[in-house]
Amino acid sequence: MEPISENVGTTLVYSDARVRIWLLDLAPRQQTHLHRHTSDYVYVALTPGETVTITQDGGETHSADEVGDAVLHRAGPPHVLRNLTDAPYANVIVELLARDGS
């Protein structure tokens, strides 16, 4: 079984005690490595695309994004994200690590 990665995106572009910001780039039909979000997060689509999130237990959630779509997700189980199209897919992931005063 593939190990669960702490890297939730392709490139970490910013990190402090409150947020971590990643770029995620997926080539056509490519998928991420198995990873887990330990904090709630928001992603913002940089390209249009259709993806499927596949959890370690086999559950699937399909998404269709337009440029600029912003989606909040709660921390959850290990999963991969697969690009279902013949075009590159990209988004920005903002992990919400802590609030002011916490």
C-alpha atoms as a PDB file:
ATOM      1  CA  MET A   1       0.000   0.000   0.000  1.00  0.00           C
ATOM      2  CA  GLU A   2       1.265   3.486  -0.884  1.00  0.00           C
ATOM      3  CA  PRO A   3       2.366   5.538   2.145  1.00  0.00           C
ATOM      4  CA  ILE A   4       0.191   8.519   3.094  1.00  0.00           C
ATOM      5  CA  SER A   5       1.937  11.772   2.222  1.00  0.00           C
ATOM      6  CA  GLU A   6       1.786  15.040   4.144  1.00  0.00           C
ATOM      7  CA  ASN A   7       2.161  16.921   0.838  1.00  0.00           C
ATOM      8  CA  VAL A   8      -1.329  17.851  -0.303  1.00  0.00           C
ATOM      9  CA  GLY A   9      -0.207  19.698  -3.430  1.00  0.00           C
ATOM     10  CA  THR A  10       2.563  19.794  -5.995  1.00  0.00           C
ATOM     11  CA  THR A  11       4.466  22.832  -4.670  1.00  0.00           C
ATOM     12  CA  LEU A  12       4.347  24.475  -1.244  1.00  0.00           C
ATOM     13  CA  VAL A  13       4.413  28.230  -1.904  1.00  0.00           C
ATOM     14  CA  TYR A  14       3.760  29.673   1.582  1.00  0.00           C
ATOM     15  CA  SER A  15       3.593  28.449   5.162  1.00  0.00           C
ATOM     16  CA  ASP A  16       3.175  30.006   8.612  1.00  0.00           C
ATOM     17  CA  ALA A  17       1.434  29.043  11.847  1.00  0.00           C
ATOM     18  CA  ARG A  18      -2.012  29.859  10.413  1.00  0.00           C
ATOM     19  CA  VAL A  19      -2.032  28.711   6.775  1.00  0.00           C
ATOM     20  CA  ARG A  20      -0.170  26.601   4.243  1.00  0.00           C
ATOM     21  CA  ILE A  21      -0.649  27.382   0.550  1.00  0.00           C
ATOM     22  CA  TRP A  22       0.018  24.855  -2.203  1.00  0.00           C
ATOM     23  CA  LEU A  23      -0.164  24.812  -5.971  1.00  0.00           C
ATOM     24  CA  LEU A  24      -1.571  21.593  -7.423  1.00  0.00           C
ATOM     25  CA  ASP A  25      -0.848  20.715 -11.045  1.00  0.00           C
ATOM     26  CA  LEU A  26      -2.181  17.533 -12.641  1.00  0.00           C
ATOM     27  CA  ALA A  27      -1.387  16.508 -16.187  1.00  0.00           C
ATOM     28  CA  PRO A  28      -4.185  15.004 -18.282  1.00  0.00           C
ATOM     29  CA  ARG A  29      -5.468  11.771 -16.660  1.00  0.00           C
ATOM     30  CA  GLN A  30      -2.841  12.045 -13.875  1.00  0.00           C
ATOM     31  CA  GLN A  31      -3.587  11.584 -10.182  1.00  0.00           C
ATOM     32  CA  THR A  32      -1.945  12.754  -6.977  1.00  0.00           C
ATOM     33  CA  HIS A  33      -0.162  10.483  -4.552  1.00  0.00           C
ATOM     34  CA  LEU A  34      -2.157   9.223  -1.577  1.00  0.00           C
ATOM     35  CA  HIS A  35      -2.421  12.068   0.921  1.00  0.00           C
ATOM     36  CA  ARG A  36      -4.496  13.289   3.849  1.00  0.00           C
ATOM     37  CA  HIS A  37      -5.698  16.765   4.786  1.00  0.00           C
ATOM     38  CA  THR A  38      -5.281  17.057   8.561  1.00  0.00           C
ATOM     39  CA  SER A  39      -6.809  20.561   8.536  1.00  0.00           C
ATOM     40  CA  ASP A  40      -9.820  22.084   6.835  1.00  0.00           C
ATOM     41  CA  TYR A  41      -8.903  23.696   3.530  1.00  0.00           C
ATOM     42  CA  VAL A  42     -10.172  25.765   0.623  1.00  0.00           C
ATOM     43  CA  TYR A  43      -9.172  25.155  -2.960  1.00  0.00           C
ATOM     44  CA  VAL A  44      -9.550  27.640  -5.808  1.00  0.00           C
ATOM     45  CA  ALA A  45      -9.616  26.292  -9.371  1.00  0.00           C
ATOM     46  CA  LEU A  46      -7.076  27.868 -11.723  1.00  0.00           C
ATOM     47  CA  THR A  47      -8.303  25.871 -14.717  1.00  0.00           C
ATOM     48  CA  PRO A  48     -11.627  24.268 -15.572  1.00  0.00           C
ATOM     49  CA  GLY A  49     -11.723  20.545 -15.053  1.00  0.00           C
ATOM     50  CA  GLU A  50     -13.434  17.375 -13.988  1.00  0.00           C
ATOM     51  CA  THR A  51     -11.873  15.408 -11.163  1.00  0.00           C
ATOM     52  CA  VAL A  52     -12.662  12.514  -8.889  1.00  0.00           C
ATOM     53  CA  THR A  53     -11.536  12.168  -5.286  1.00  0.00           C
ATOM     54  CA  ILE A  54     -10.999   8.502  -4.417  1.00  0.00           C
ATOM     55  CA  THR A  55     -10.693   7.694  -0.720  1.00  0.00           C
ATOM     56  CA  GLN A  56      -8.513   4.915   0.599  1.00  0.00           C
ATOM     57  CA  ASP A  57     -11.651   2.816   1.250  1.00  0.00           C
ATOM     58  CA  GLY A  58     -12.783   3.194  -2.391  1.00  0.00           C
ATOM     59  CA  GLY A  59     -15.360   5.972  -2.017  1.00  0.00           C
ATOM     60  CA  GLU A  60     -15.586   8.418  -4.930  1.00  0.00           C
ATOM     61  CA  THR A  61     -16.657  12.065  -5.150  1.00  0.00           C
ATOM     62  CA  HIS A  62     -16.810  13.704  -8.577  1.00  0.00           C
ATOM     63  CA  SER A  63     -16.285  17.441  -9.109  1.00  0.00           C
ATOM     64  CA  ALA A  64     -16.562  19.792 -12.069  1.00  0.00           C
ATOM     65  CA  ASP A  65     -14.724  23.086 -11.569  1.00  0.00           C
ATOM     66  CA  GLU A  66     -14.744  26.371 -13.450  1.00  0.00           C
ATOM     67  CA  VAL A  67     -11.934  28.899 -13.159  1.00  0.00           C
ATOM     68  CA  GLY A  68     -12.287  30.768  -9.869  1.00  0.00           C
ATOM     69  CA  ASP A  69     -14.514  28.229  -8.135  1.00  0.00           C
ATOM     70  CA  ALA A  70     -13.656  28.157  -4.422  1.00  0.00           C
ATOM     71  CA  VAL A  71     -14.628  25.106  -2.385  1.00  0.00           C
ATOM     72  CA  LEU A  72     -14.309  24.504   1.381  1.00  0.00           C
ATOM     73  CA  HIS A  73     -13.483  20.963   2.488  1.00  0.00           C
ATOM     74  CA  ARG A  74     -13.148  19.546   5.979  1.00  0.00           C
ATOM     75  CA  ALA A  75     -10.142  17.479   7.013  1.00  0.00           C
ATOM     76  CA  GLY A  76     -10.767  13.892   5.999  1.00  0.00           C
ATOM     77  CA  PRO A  77      -9.565  10.431   5.133  1.00  0.00           C
ATOM     78  CA  PRO A  78      -6.595   9.602   2.895  1.00  0.00           C
ATOM     79  CA  HIS A  79      -7.372   9.978  -0.815  1.00  0.00           C
ATOM     80  CA  VAL A  80      -6.060  10.682  -4.297  1.00  0.00           C
ATOM     81  CA  LEU A  81      -7.367  13.287  -6.733  1.00  0.00           C
ATOM     82  CA  ARG A  82      -7.555  12.174 -10.378  1.00  0.00           C
ATOM     83  CA  ASN A  83      -7.848  14.492 -13.376  1.00  0.00           C
ATOM     84  CA  LEU A  84     -10.525  12.951 -15.614  1.00  0.00           C
ATOM     85  CA  THR A  85      -9.855  15.115 -18.671  1.00  0.00           C
ATOM     86  CA  ASP A  86      -7.392  15.377 -21.536  1.00  0.00           C
ATOM     87  CA  ALA A  87      -6.347  18.880 -20.388  1.00  0.00           C
ATOM     88  CA  PRO A  88      -4.096  19.930 -17.490  1.00  0.00           C
ATOM     89  CA  TYR A  89      -5.867  20.754 -14.211  1.00  0.00           C
ATOM     90  CA  ALA A  90      -4.579  23.209 -11.579  1.00  0.00           C
ATOM     91  CA  ASN A  91      -5.762  24.699  -8.326  1.00  0.00           C
ATOM     92  CA  VAL A  92      -4.492  26.516  -5.240  1.00  0.00           C
ATOM     93  CA  ILE A  93      -4.997  24.805  -1.884  1.00  0.00           C
ATOM     94  CA  VAL A  94      -5.127  26.901   1.301  1.00  0.00           C
ATOM     95  CA  GLU A  95      -4.873  24.764   4.435  1.00  0.00           C
ATOM     96  CA  LEU A  96      -6.478  26.500   7.449  1.00  0.00           C
ATOM     97  CA  LEU A  97      -4.105  25.546  10.275  1.00  0.00           C
ATOM     98  CA  ALA A  98      -5.108  27.941  13.077  1.00  0.00           C
ATOM     99  CA  ARG A  99      -7.261  30.948  13.787  1.00  0.00           C
ATOM    100  CA  ASP A 100      -6.162  34.260  15.301  1.00  0.00           C
ATOM    101  CA  GLY A 101      -5.732  33.835  19.014  1.00  0.00           C
ATOM    102  CA  SER A 102      -5.537  30.047  18.890  1.00  0.00           C
END
